[in-house]
């Protein structure tokens, strides 16, 4: 039977810590645990595989910025860990509210240990409980792998091979290529037949046609709740071919099934699926290498790994590159249009769809990189997209080792835009268009978001623009917008008046009122830069 988080919290080694669930209480009720770890490293997420109870004393959290703490929570949630337990006390007096909010939004159980306990004692006690379950999982995973190998040896379809695993773990499976094309699927009651290709379930010697058990199958064992929500848990497993990710296996584990069994068995069967893919669809090296490169860039892999992958993807390691991020509900459909634009604007490129995000990397000519990037931005602005689509073009990066920086800057700009904390410079030309954000125009906002606490930003804005903001609030006026547009235009009064659709005389009257509230005309003084910075921060 699966070991549940709620049961573990009642164990004497944990009750001594006086645990309290601060976030994700609904998810905690059905969370199954795979292992217990302890770590004070904030970048631990890539080293975890999901289902863990992670213990931390909070030493690293004390000195971390609020944004880094939130990222820590989000990264752990994306990795699929079971829960995070943080010890509070002398080092960390209490859990930051930002972490609690982030955990609640992500559905990650966040537990506060209000008393100091030895983590080694917890790990020894709970992991000893989990070991016997892990052995049972490995045994059933090996049975699944053997049964799938038998099907592969007899030339069964991918649906049939997947049906064996689906029946053993009692889950729904879908295997898709890197471009999102479904290669095979099966459910717990599937027999693996595929009417489209005329295949039918293959009967083992001695097995009557139409009998239920698949070859090598074993009786199913019902598990407990599989995670947050009634719909169960999704597990994503990459399937490589010749070392390069070529497909993804998505396992949808219903609430009554064993999530840890599905995770172990899915991982155990990757080699069988790799062999099946080699037989059916030998992948193009450039395509799969491009996908692997973009995934490595997205995860912030070491420079040596990026330099290893880039030549196979057709992108020189020394190239000047730029990253593009598109967030849309039609990311798969947009990929073909994006690839056409990249072929026109870039020497070499690669694209990859990750759920609702379309990621792209373009290698631009060294001598004309700035012009090529501007052409890329212009082409994206003209691309017909679904309403609500947000696109960001990152800064130029010298060499493939700096591609993760270009991508992270583009994602930072999109986060600001999607949170409504950014006065966008690039607005859609029609209601049917999306928004394209050029991060080069948002250097101030990116710097502030990454290195200035929100409180510090608000204090600075109040110091510089306090009287003007009070006037806008009291009179319901738009002086802040007027000042911002005027400063962005280079203090060009005529141009600002055109952008605001007001008469020049009215614009002069507005500026005079602004100068009165801000201590005079800032032109020719050091206050000009200070006011411009304040208007940009006020728009966040």
Protein backbone atom coordinates (compact mmCIF):
# COMPACT_ATOMS: atom_id res chain seq x y z
CA UNK A 1 0.00 0.00 0.00
CA UNK A 2 1.28 3.52 -0.73
CA UNK A 3 2.73 5.48 2.20
CA UNK A 4 0.73 8.69 2.57
CA UNK A 5 2.03 12.02 3.81
CA UNK A 6 -0.81 12.27 6.33
CA UNK A 7 0.26 8.94 7.85
CA UNK A 8 3.92 9.96 7.98
CA UNK A 9 3.07 13.19 9.82
CA UNK A 10 1.61 11.04 12.63
CA UNK A 11 4.87 9.11 13.07
CA UNK A 12 6.57 9.81 16.44
CA UNK A 13 9.73 11.14 14.79
CA UNK A 14 7.66 13.84 13.08
CA UNK A 15 5.14 14.61 15.80
CA UNK A 16 8.13 15.61 17.93
CA UNK A 17 8.71 18.44 15.42
CA UNK A 18 5.19 19.82 16.07
CA UNK A 19 4.38 19.94 12.33
CA UNK A 20 1.71 22.26 10.90
CA UNK A 21 0.58 22.25 7.27
CA UNK A 22 0.79 25.90 6.15
CA UNK A 23 -0.15 25.42 2.49
CA UNK A 24 -1.49 22.72 0.18
CA UNK A 25 -3.64 21.04 2.81
CA UNK A 26 -6.04 19.67 0.19
CA UNK A 27 -3.18 18.15 -1.80
CA UNK A 28 -1.57 16.78 1.37
CA UNK A 29 -4.59 14.57 2.05
CA UNK A 30 -3.79 12.37 -0.95
CA UNK A 31 -0.02 12.79 -1.35
CA UNK A 32 1.97 9.57 -1.66
CA UNK A 33 5.63 9.61 -0.61
CA UNK A 34 8.50 7.86 -2.35
CA UNK A 35 11.47 8.88 -0.18
CA UNK A 36 12.63 11.39 2.45
CA UNK A 37 15.58 13.71 1.76
CA UNK A 38 17.15 16.64 3.61
CA UNK A 39 19.03 19.49 1.96
CA UNK A 40 19.95 23.13 2.54
CA UNK A 41 20.70 23.70 -1.17
CA UNK A 42 18.19 25.92 -2.96
CA UNK A 43 19.07 24.44 -6.37
CA UNK A 44 18.16 20.91 -5.28
CA UNK A 45 15.13 20.50 -7.63
CA UNK A 46 17.01 19.06 -10.67
CA UNK A 47 18.45 16.34 -8.43
CA UNK A 48 15.03 15.10 -7.29
CA UNK A 49 12.77 12.74 -9.22
CA UNK A 50 9.37 13.36 -7.65
CA UNK A 51 7.40 12.06 -4.67
CA UNK A 52 9.98 13.09 -2.05
CA UNK A 53 9.39 14.66 1.35
CA UNK A 54 12.14 17.28 1.45
CA UNK A 55 13.38 18.49 4.84
CA UNK A 56 15.29 21.76 5.27
CA UNK A 57 16.48 23.74 8.25
CA UNK A 58 15.95 27.01 6.43
CA UNK A 59 19.57 28.20 6.62
CA UNK A 60 19.71 29.09 2.91
CA UNK A 61 16.24 30.62 2.97
CA UNK A 62 17.23 33.24 5.54
CA UNK A 63 19.70 35.00 3.23
CA UNK A 64 17.71 34.41 0.02
CA UNK A 65 15.64 37.15 -1.60
CA UNK A 66 11.89 36.89 -1.63
CA UNK A 67 11.94 36.14 -5.35
CA UNK A 68 14.46 33.34 -4.89
CA UNK A 69 12.31 31.77 -2.17
CA UNK A 70 9.30 31.78 -4.48
CA UNK A 71 11.39 30.26 -7.29
CA UNK A 72 12.52 27.56 -4.85
CA UNK A 73 8.90 26.60 -4.17
CA UNK A 74 7.93 26.67 -7.84
CA UNK A 75 10.91 24.58 -8.92
CA UNK A 76 10.16 21.93 -6.31
CA UNK A 77 6.48 21.86 -7.32
CA UNK A 78 7.37 21.52 -11.00
CA UNK A 79 9.68 18.64 -10.12
CA UNK A 80 6.72 16.88 -8.48
CA UNK A 81 8.02 16.43 -4.95
CA UNK A 82 5.51 15.22 -2.37
CA UNK A 83 5.97 17.94 0.24
CA UNK A 84 8.45 20.45 1.70
CA UNK A 85 9.03 20.66 5.43
CA UNK A 86 10.85 23.73 6.80
CA UNK A 87 12.16 23.98 10.33
CA UNK A 88 11.52 27.35 11.98
CA UNK A 89 13.09 28.70 15.12
CA UNK A 90 16.28 30.62 15.86
CA UNK A 91 17.59 30.65 12.25
CA UNK A 92 14.28 31.19 10.48
CA UNK A 93 11.69 32.65 12.90
CA UNK A 94 8.69 31.92 10.66
CA UNK A 95 7.77 30.85 7.14
CA UNK A 96 7.75 33.82 4.72
CA UNK A 97 4.25 34.64 3.52
CA UNK A 98 5.50 34.67 -0.09
CA UNK A 99 6.51 31.01 0.21
CA UNK A 100 3.14 30.08 1.68
CA UNK A 101 1.29 31.83 -1.14
CA UNK A 102 3.50 30.26 -3.81
CA UNK A 103 3.06 26.78 -2.33
CA UNK A 104 -0.72 27.21 -2.15
CA UNK A 105 -0.85 28.35 -5.77
CA UNK A 106 1.31 25.42 -6.89
CA UNK A 107 -0.60 22.86 -4.81
CA UNK A 108 2.58 21.89 -2.95
CA UNK A 109 2.11 20.83 0.69
CA UNK A 110 4.28 23.16 2.80
CA UNK A 111 4.87 22.02 6.37
CA UNK A 112 6.35 24.02 9.24
CA UNK A 113 8.38 22.17 11.87
CA UNK A 114 7.95 24.35 14.97
CA UNK A 115 10.40 22.34 17.05
CA UNK A 116 13.94 21.21 16.31
CA UNK A 117 14.34 17.48 15.62
CA UNK A 118 17.21 15.45 14.13
CA UNK A 119 16.46 15.00 10.44
CA UNK A 120 18.57 11.82 10.32
CA UNK A 121 16.14 10.16 12.73
CA UNK A 122 13.17 11.05 10.53
CA UNK A 123 14.88 9.78 7.39
CA UNK A 124 15.94 6.50 8.98
CA UNK A 125 12.47 5.80 10.35
CA UNK A 126 10.38 6.77 7.34
CA UNK A 127 12.74 5.50 4.64
CA UNK A 128 12.81 2.09 6.31
CA UNK A 129 9.02 2.03 5.83
CA UNK A 130 9.41 3.06 2.20
CA UNK A 131 12.11 0.51 1.36
CA UNK A 132 9.75 -2.48 1.47
CA UNK A 133 7.27 -0.64 -0.74
CA UNK A 134 10.09 0.25 -3.17
CA UNK A 135 11.14 -3.41 -3.43
CA UNK A 136 7.56 -4.39 -4.32
CA UNK A 137 7.41 -1.61 -6.90
CA UNK A 138 10.67 -2.72 -8.50
CA UNK A 139 9.45 -6.30 -8.70
CA UNK A 140 6.22 -5.30 -10.46
CA UNK A 141 8.13 -2.84 -12.69
CA UNK A 142 10.41 -5.66 -13.80
CA UNK A 143 7.36 -7.80 -14.58
CA UNK A 144 5.97 -4.98 -16.71
CA UNK A 145 9.28 -4.50 -18.50
CA UNK A 146 9.55 -8.23 -19.24
CA UNK A 147 5.98 -8.42 -20.56
CA UNK A 148 6.56 -5.37 -22.78
CA UNK A 149 9.77 -6.93 -24.10
CA UNK A 150 7.81 -10.04 -25.09
CA UNK A 151 5.34 -7.89 -27.02
CA UNK A 152 8.19 -6.02 -28.71
CA UNK A 153 9.87 -9.27 -29.74
CA UNK A 154 6.63 -10.44 -31.38
CA UNK A 155 6.29 -7.21 -33.37
CA UNK A 156 3.28 -5.83 -31.49
CA UNK A 157 2.11 -2.27 -32.05
CA UNK A 158 3.05 0.57 -29.73
CA UNK A 159 -0.54 0.61 -28.47
CA UNK A 160 -0.24 -3.06 -27.53
CA UNK A 161 3.11 -2.54 -25.78
CA UNK A 162 1.73 0.40 -23.83
CA UNK A 163 -1.42 -1.55 -22.93
CA UNK A 164 0.70 -4.04 -20.97
CA UNK A 165 2.11 -1.26 -18.79
CA UNK A 166 -1.27 0.48 -18.49
CA UNK A 167 -2.89 -2.68 -17.18
CA UNK A 168 -0.21 -3.29 -14.56
CA UNK A 169 -0.10 0.25 -13.16
CA UNK A 170 -3.83 0.92 -13.71
CA UNK A 171 -3.27 4.21 -15.54
CA UNK A 172 -3.74 5.86 -18.92
CA UNK A 173 -0.65 6.27 -21.12
CA UNK A 174 0.20 8.42 -24.12
CA UNK A 175 3.50 8.39 -26.00
CA UNK A 176 4.18 11.47 -28.14
CA UNK A 177 7.04 12.58 -30.37
CA UNK A 178 9.04 15.73 -29.66
CA UNK A 179 6.83 17.56 -32.15
CA UNK A 180 3.69 16.56 -30.25
CA UNK A 181 2.44 13.78 -32.57
CA UNK A 182 0.78 10.93 -30.66
CA UNK A 183 2.65 7.69 -31.39
CA UNK A 184 0.66 5.36 -29.17
CA UNK A 185 -1.78 5.29 -26.27
CA UNK A 186 -3.48 2.85 -23.93
CA UNK A 187 -5.72 2.70 -20.87
CA UNK A 188 -5.97 0.21 -18.02
CA UNK A 189 -8.77 -1.66 -19.83
CA UNK A 190 -7.20 -1.36 -23.29
CA UNK A 191 -6.32 -4.48 -25.26
CA UNK A 192 -3.83 -2.62 -27.48
CA UNK A 193 -5.76 -3.01 -30.71
CA UNK A 194 -5.73 -0.08 -33.09
CA UNK A 195 -8.59 0.06 -35.61
CA UNK A 196 -6.68 2.60 -37.66
CA UNK A 197 -3.89 0.20 -38.58
CA UNK A 198 -5.89 -3.01 -38.35
CA UNK A 199 -3.78 -4.45 -35.56
CA UNK A 200 -5.37 -6.68 -32.97
CA UNK A 201 -4.26 -8.01 -29.64
CA UNK A 202 -1.88 -10.90 -29.98
CA UNK A 203 -2.78 -14.05 -28.05
CA UNK A 204 -0.08 -16.04 -26.32
CA UNK A 205 -0.04 -19.81 -26.83
CA UNK A 206 -2.70 -21.33 -24.63
CA UNK A 207 -4.60 -18.06 -24.23
CA UNK A 208 -8.11 -17.97 -25.63
CA UNK A 209 -9.06 -15.13 -27.96
CA UNK A 210 -10.82 -12.36 -26.08
CA UNK A 211 -9.50 -13.36 -22.65
CA UNK A 212 -8.61 -10.37 -20.52
CA UNK A 213 -5.09 -10.84 -19.15
CA UNK A 214 -2.22 -9.61 -21.31
CA UNK A 215 0.83 -11.79 -21.66
CA UNK A 216 2.99 -11.47 -18.60
CA UNK A 217 0.43 -9.37 -16.77
CA UNK A 218 -0.13 -9.67 -13.07
CA UNK A 219 -3.19 -8.89 -10.94
CA UNK A 220 -3.65 -5.22 -10.23
CA UNK A 221 -3.25 -3.98 -6.70
CA UNK A 222 -5.41 -0.99 -5.82
CA UNK A 223 -3.53 1.94 -4.30
CA UNK A 224 -4.58 4.94 -2.27
CA UNK A 225 -5.14 8.53 -3.50
CA UNK A 226 -2.59 9.50 -6.13
CA UNK A 227 -2.17 13.17 -5.48
CA UNK A 228 -4.04 16.47 -5.45
CA UNK A 229 -7.41 16.64 -7.09
CA UNK A 230 -9.90 14.02 -8.19
CA UNK A 231 -8.33 13.70 -11.63
CA UNK A 232 -5.18 12.09 -10.28
CA UNK A 233 -1.55 12.81 -11.14
CA UNK A 234 0.33 13.35 -14.39
CA UNK A 235 3.82 11.88 -14.70
CA UNK A 236 6.06 12.91 -17.62
CA UNK A 237 8.94 10.62 -18.60
CA UNK A 238 11.37 11.36 -21.42
CA UNK A 239 12.16 8.53 -23.81
CA UNK A 240 15.60 8.96 -25.44
CA UNK A 241 16.82 7.35 -28.61
CA UNK A 242 20.62 7.08 -28.86
CA UNK A 243 20.92 9.39 -25.85
CA UNK A 244 18.76 12.21 -27.25
CA UNK A 245 15.18 12.79 -25.94
CA UNK A 246 12.92 11.73 -28.82
CA UNK A 247 9.52 11.17 -27.21
CA UNK A 248 7.63 11.75 -24.00
CA UNK A 249 5.55 9.24 -22.08
CA UNK A 250 2.69 10.87 -20.17
CA UNK A 251 1.14 8.69 -17.45
CA UNK A 252 -2.21 9.81 -16.06
CA UNK A 253 -2.58 8.05 -12.72
CA UNK A 254 -6.15 8.12 -11.35
CA UNK A 255 -6.75 8.97 -7.71
CA UNK A 256 -7.30 5.33 -6.69
CA UNK A 257 -4.00 4.05 -8.15
CA UNK A 258 -0.41 3.92 -6.89
CA UNK A 259 1.56 6.95 -8.13
CA UNK A 260 4.93 5.59 -7.01
CA UNK A 261 4.38 2.29 -8.80
CA UNK A 262 3.53 4.21 -11.97
CA UNK A 263 6.64 6.35 -11.61
CA UNK A 264 8.97 3.39 -11.02
CA UNK A 265 7.44 1.17 -13.70
CA UNK A 266 7.38 3.99 -16.23
CA UNK A 267 11.07 4.68 -15.68
CA UNK A 268 11.91 1.00 -15.81
CA UNK A 269 10.24 0.57 -19.23
CA UNK A 270 12.01 3.45 -20.98
CA UNK A 271 14.59 1.17 -22.62
CA UNK A 272 11.83 -1.01 -24.13
CA UNK A 273 10.07 2.05 -25.53
CA UNK A 274 13.37 3.36 -26.93
CA UNK A 275 13.89 0.10 -28.83
CA UNK A 276 10.32 0.23 -30.10
CA UNK A 277 10.85 3.77 -31.38
CA UNK A 278 14.07 2.76 -33.14
CA UNK A 279 12.16 0.07 -35.01
CA UNK A 280 9.29 2.34 -36.04
CA UNK A 281 10.54 5.89 -36.44
CA UNK A 282 14.29 6.46 -36.65
CA UNK A 283 14.49 10.13 -35.59
CA UNK A 284 16.25 12.85 -37.53
CA UNK A 285 19.38 13.69 -35.54
CA UNK A 286 19.08 17.43 -36.07
CA UNK A 287 15.48 17.58 -34.83
CA UNK A 288 16.03 15.54 -31.70
CA UNK A 289 19.34 17.29 -30.98
CA UNK A 290 17.61 20.66 -31.32
CA UNK A 291 14.97 19.56 -28.83
CA UNK A 292 17.62 18.28 -26.44
CA UNK A 293 19.56 21.54 -26.78
CA UNK A 294 16.54 23.71 -26.00
CA UNK A 295 15.61 21.58 -23.01
CA UNK A 296 19.18 21.84 -21.75
CA UNK A 297 19.07 25.62 -22.24
CA UNK A 298 15.73 25.83 -20.42
CA UNK A 299 17.03 23.84 -17.45
CA UNK A 300 20.23 25.89 -17.22
CA UNK A 301 22.61 23.04 -18.01
CA UNK A 302 26.36 23.41 -17.72
CA UNK A 303 28.16 25.12 -20.66
CA UNK A 304 29.98 21.91 -21.61
CA UNK A 305 26.65 20.14 -22.15
CA UNK A 306 25.33 22.98 -24.34
CA UNK A 307 28.53 22.97 -26.41
CA UNK A 308 28.20 19.20 -26.78
CA UNK A 309 24.62 19.39 -28.10
CA UNK A 310 24.74 22.51 -30.28
CA UNK A 311 26.78 21.15 -33.24
CA UNK A 312 24.35 18.24 -33.72
CA UNK A 313 21.49 20.77 -33.71
CA UNK A 314 23.26 22.76 -36.44
CA UNK A 315 24.04 25.73 -34.19
CA UNK A 316 27.74 26.62 -33.82
CA UNK A 317 28.83 26.83 -30.18
CA UNK A 318 30.36 30.29 -30.83
CA UNK A 319 27.29 31.71 -32.60
CA UNK A 320 25.44 34.84 -31.50
CA UNK A 321 22.07 33.49 -30.38
CA UNK A 322 18.74 34.88 -29.23
CA UNK A 323 15.96 33.04 -27.38
CA UNK A 324 12.23 33.41 -28.02
CA UNK A 325 9.42 32.36 -25.66
CA UNK A 326 5.76 32.16 -26.65
CA UNK A 327 3.03 31.42 -24.14
CA UNK A 328 -0.23 30.40 -25.76
CA UNK A 329 -2.86 27.69 -25.69
CA UNK A 330 -1.99 26.86 -29.31
CA UNK A 331 1.77 26.37 -28.91
CA UNK A 332 1.82 23.18 -30.99
CA UNK A 333 0.02 24.84 -33.91
CA UNK A 334 2.29 27.89 -33.72
CA UNK A 335 5.47 25.89 -34.04
CA UNK A 336 5.29 25.57 -37.84
CA UNK A 337 4.72 29.34 -38.25
CA UNK A 338 7.59 30.07 -35.85
CA UNK A 339 9.93 27.77 -37.78
CA UNK A 340 9.14 29.65 -41.03
CA UNK A 341 10.00 32.99 -39.40
CA UNK A 342 13.22 31.59 -37.96
CA UNK A 343 14.31 30.28 -41.37
CA UNK A 344 13.99 33.82 -42.79
CA UNK A 345 15.67 35.64 -39.92
CA UNK A 346 18.26 33.18 -38.64
CA UNK A 347 21.14 31.15 -40.03
CA UNK A 348 20.26 28.14 -37.89
CA UNK A 349 17.47 27.56 -35.37
CA UNK A 350 15.69 25.06 -33.18
CA UNK A 351 12.24 25.03 -31.58
CA UNK A 352 10.56 22.99 -28.88
CA UNK A 353 7.05 22.85 -27.38
CA UNK A 354 6.78 22.38 -23.61
CA UNK A 355 3.08 22.29 -22.71
CA UNK A 356 1.79 25.86 -23.20
CA UNK A 357 5.24 27.28 -23.96
CA UNK A 358 6.92 27.38 -27.35
CA UNK A 359 10.68 27.86 -26.99
CA UNK A 360 12.97 28.77 -29.86
CA UNK A 361 16.66 29.52 -30.28
CA UNK A 362 18.04 31.37 -33.31
CA UNK A 363 21.67 31.70 -34.40
CA UNK A 364 22.10 35.13 -36.02
CA UNK A 365 24.86 36.34 -38.37
CA UNK A 366 27.77 37.75 -36.37
CA UNK A 367 28.10 40.98 -38.36
CA UNK A 368 24.39 41.73 -38.66
CA UNK A 369 23.03 40.30 -35.41
CA UNK A 370 21.29 43.51 -34.29
CA UNK A 371 19.52 43.96 -37.63
CA UNK A 372 18.55 40.29 -37.80
CA UNK A 373 17.13 40.46 -34.30
CA UNK A 374 15.10 43.56 -35.18
CA UNK A 375 13.79 41.73 -38.26
CA UNK A 376 12.79 38.78 -36.06
CA UNK A 377 10.89 41.04 -33.63
CA UNK A 378 9.08 42.74 -36.53
CA UNK A 379 8.11 39.39 -38.08
CA UNK A 380 6.73 38.13 -34.78
CA UNK A 381 4.68 41.31 -34.36
CA UNK A 382 3.01 40.63 -37.72
CA UNK A 383 2.30 36.96 -36.99
CA UNK A 384 -1.46 36.22 -36.62
CA UNK A 385 -1.95 34.50 -33.26
CA UNK A 386 -4.70 33.59 -30.83
CA UNK A 387 -5.95 36.32 -28.49
CA UNK A 388 -3.94 36.31 -25.27
CA UNK A 389 -0.75 35.01 -26.85
CA UNK A 390 2.36 36.53 -25.28
CA UNK A 391 5.76 36.46 -26.98
CA UNK A 392 9.12 37.69 -25.70
CA UNK A 393 12.38 38.01 -27.62
CA UNK A 394 15.46 37.76 -25.40
CA UNK A 395 18.70 39.74 -25.65
CA UNK A 396 21.58 38.76 -27.90
CA UNK A 397 23.88 36.22 -26.28
CA UNK A 398 27.50 35.66 -27.31
CA UNK A 399 27.98 31.90 -27.58
CA UNK A 400 25.69 28.97 -26.81
CA UNK A 401 26.85 28.98 -23.18
CA UNK A 402 24.97 32.27 -22.68
CA UNK A 403 21.72 31.04 -24.27
CA UNK A 404 20.18 30.22 -20.83
CA UNK A 405 20.62 33.88 -19.87
CA UNK A 406 18.82 35.07 -23.02
CA UNK A 407 15.97 32.64 -22.32
CA UNK A 408 15.67 33.57 -18.64
CA UNK A 409 15.53 37.29 -19.50
CA UNK A 410 12.74 36.62 -22.00
CA UNK A 411 10.82 34.59 -19.42
CA UNK A 412 11.32 37.33 -16.82
CA UNK A 413 9.76 39.89 -19.19
CA UNK A 414 6.82 37.59 -19.89
CA UNK A 415 6.23 37.00 -16.18
CA UNK A 416 6.07 40.75 -15.64
CA UNK A 417 3.67 41.19 -18.55
CA UNK A 418 1.41 38.27 -17.60
CA UNK A 419 1.21 39.46 -13.99
CA UNK A 420 0.00 42.84 -15.22
CA UNK A 421 2.97 44.56 -13.57
CA UNK A 422 4.39 46.05 -16.74
CA UNK A 423 3.36 48.91 -19.01
CA UNK A 424 3.94 47.13 -22.30
CA UNK A 425 5.76 49.00 -25.01
CA UNK A 426 4.64 46.64 -27.78
CA UNK A 427 0.85 46.42 -27.88
CA UNK A 428 -1.20 44.43 -30.37
CA UNK A 429 -2.07 46.26 -33.57
CA UNK A 430 -5.53 44.67 -33.52
CA UNK A 431 -7.77 42.88 -31.07
CA UNK A 432 -7.01 39.56 -32.78
CA UNK A 433 -3.27 39.89 -32.25
CA UNK A 434 -1.07 38.97 -29.34
CA UNK A 435 1.63 40.98 -27.60
CA UNK A 436 5.32 40.86 -28.49
CA UNK A 437 7.68 41.99 -25.75
CA UNK A 438 11.18 43.13 -26.75
CA UNK A 439 13.23 42.71 -23.60
CA UNK A 440 15.82 45.22 -24.83
CA UNK A 441 13.21 47.92 -24.19
CA UNK A 442 12.67 46.68 -20.64
CA UNK A 443 16.18 46.72 -19.17
CA UNK A 444 15.10 48.83 -16.19
CA UNK A 445 12.11 46.64 -15.37
CA UNK A 446 14.12 43.43 -15.65
CA UNK A 447 16.87 44.79 -13.42
CA UNK A 448 14.37 45.95 -10.83
CA UNK A 449 12.39 42.70 -10.84
CA UNK A 450 15.51 40.60 -10.35
CA UNK A 451 17.49 42.73 -7.90
CA UNK A 452 15.14 45.13 -6.07
CA UNK A 453 12.62 44.06 -3.46
CA UNK A 454 9.09 45.27 -4.09
CA UNK A 455 9.19 47.37 -0.93
CA UNK A 456 12.33 49.17 -2.06
CA UNK A 457 10.76 49.90 -5.45
CA UNK A 458 7.61 51.28 -3.87
CA UNK A 459 9.59 53.49 -1.47
CA UNK A 460 11.61 54.97 -4.32
CA UNK A 461 8.51 55.70 -6.41
CA UNK A 462 6.85 57.36 -3.43
CA UNK A 463 9.91 59.52 -2.77
CA UNK A 464 10.10 60.75 -6.35
CA UNK A 465 6.44 60.87 -7.36
CA UNK A 466 4.49 60.94 -4.11
CA UNK A 467 2.74 64.29 -4.66
CA UNK A 468 1.95 63.48 -8.29
CA UNK A 469 0.46 60.09 -7.36
CA UNK A 470 -1.62 61.70 -4.64
CA UNK A 471 -2.89 64.28 -7.15
CA UNK A 472 -3.88 61.53 -9.64
CA UNK A 473 -5.73 59.61 -6.96
CA UNK A 474 -7.52 62.66 -5.57
CA UNK A 475 -8.43 64.23 -8.94
CA UNK A 476 -8.74 60.99 -10.97
CA UNK A 477 -6.22 62.49 -13.41
CA UNK A 478 -3.60 60.87 -15.65
CA UNK A 479 -0.50 62.93 -14.88
CA UNK A 480 1.68 59.87 -14.23
CA UNK A 481 0.85 58.48 -17.69
CA UNK A 482 1.51 61.89 -19.23
CA UNK A 483 4.90 62.17 -17.53
CA UNK A 484 5.85 58.60 -18.48
CA UNK A 485 4.99 59.06 -22.18
CA UNK A 486 6.80 62.43 -22.27
CA UNK A 487 9.97 60.98 -20.73
CA UNK A 488 9.87 57.88 -22.98
CA UNK A 489 9.65 60.19 -26.02
CA UNK A 490 12.89 61.91 -25.01
CA UNK A 491 11.02 64.93 -23.58
CA UNK A 492 9.53 65.60 -27.03
CA UNK A 493 6.33 67.48 -26.16
CA UNK A 494 4.82 67.34 -29.67
CA UNK A 495 5.41 63.59 -30.02
CA UNK A 496 4.02 62.89 -26.54
CA UNK A 497 0.90 64.95 -27.33
CA UNK A 498 0.32 62.86 -30.46
CA UNK A 499 0.69 59.59 -28.55
CA UNK A 500 -1.73 60.80 -25.87
CA UNK A 501 -4.14 62.26 -28.46
CA UNK A 502 -4.24 65.71 -26.83
CA UNK A 503 -3.67 69.22 -28.11
CA UNK A 504 -0.16 70.63 -27.70
CA UNK A 505 -1.47 73.45 -25.50
CA UNK A 506 -3.18 70.94 -23.23
CA UNK A 507 0.07 68.99 -23.11
CA UNK A 508 1.98 72.12 -22.01
CA UNK A 509 -0.58 72.75 -19.25
CA UNK A 510 -0.24 69.16 -18.04
CA UNK A 511 3.54 69.38 -18.00
CA UNK A 512 3.47 72.61 -16.04
CA UNK A 513 1.26 70.98 -13.42
CA UNK A 514 3.61 67.97 -13.31
CA UNK A 515 6.64 70.26 -12.85
CA UNK A 516 4.89 72.04 -9.97
CA UNK A 517 4.25 68.73 -8.23
CA UNK A 518 7.75 67.32 -8.90
CA UNK A 519 9.88 70.33 -7.93
CA UNK A 520 10.31 72.06 -11.29
CA UNK A 521 11.32 71.29 -14.86
CA UNK A 522 13.75 68.34 -14.62
CA UNK A 523 15.41 68.94 -18.01
CA UNK A 524 19.09 69.70 -17.68
CA UNK A 525 19.22 68.36 -14.10
CA UNK A 526 20.06 65.02 -12.49
CA UNK A 527 16.42 64.70 -11.48
CA UNK A 528 15.43 63.85 -15.05
CA UNK A 529 16.94 60.36 -14.78
CA UNK A 530 15.52 59.89 -11.28
CA UNK A 531 11.98 60.76 -12.43
CA UNK A 532 12.27 58.56 -15.52
CA UNK A 533 13.37 55.62 -13.39
CA UNK A 534 10.50 56.25 -10.98
CA UNK A 535 7.90 56.24 -13.78
CA UNK A 536 9.25 52.93 -15.08
CA UNK A 537 9.16 51.38 -11.61
CA UNK A 538 5.65 52.76 -11.01
CA UNK A 539 4.47 50.84 -14.07
CA UNK A 540 5.52 47.50 -12.52
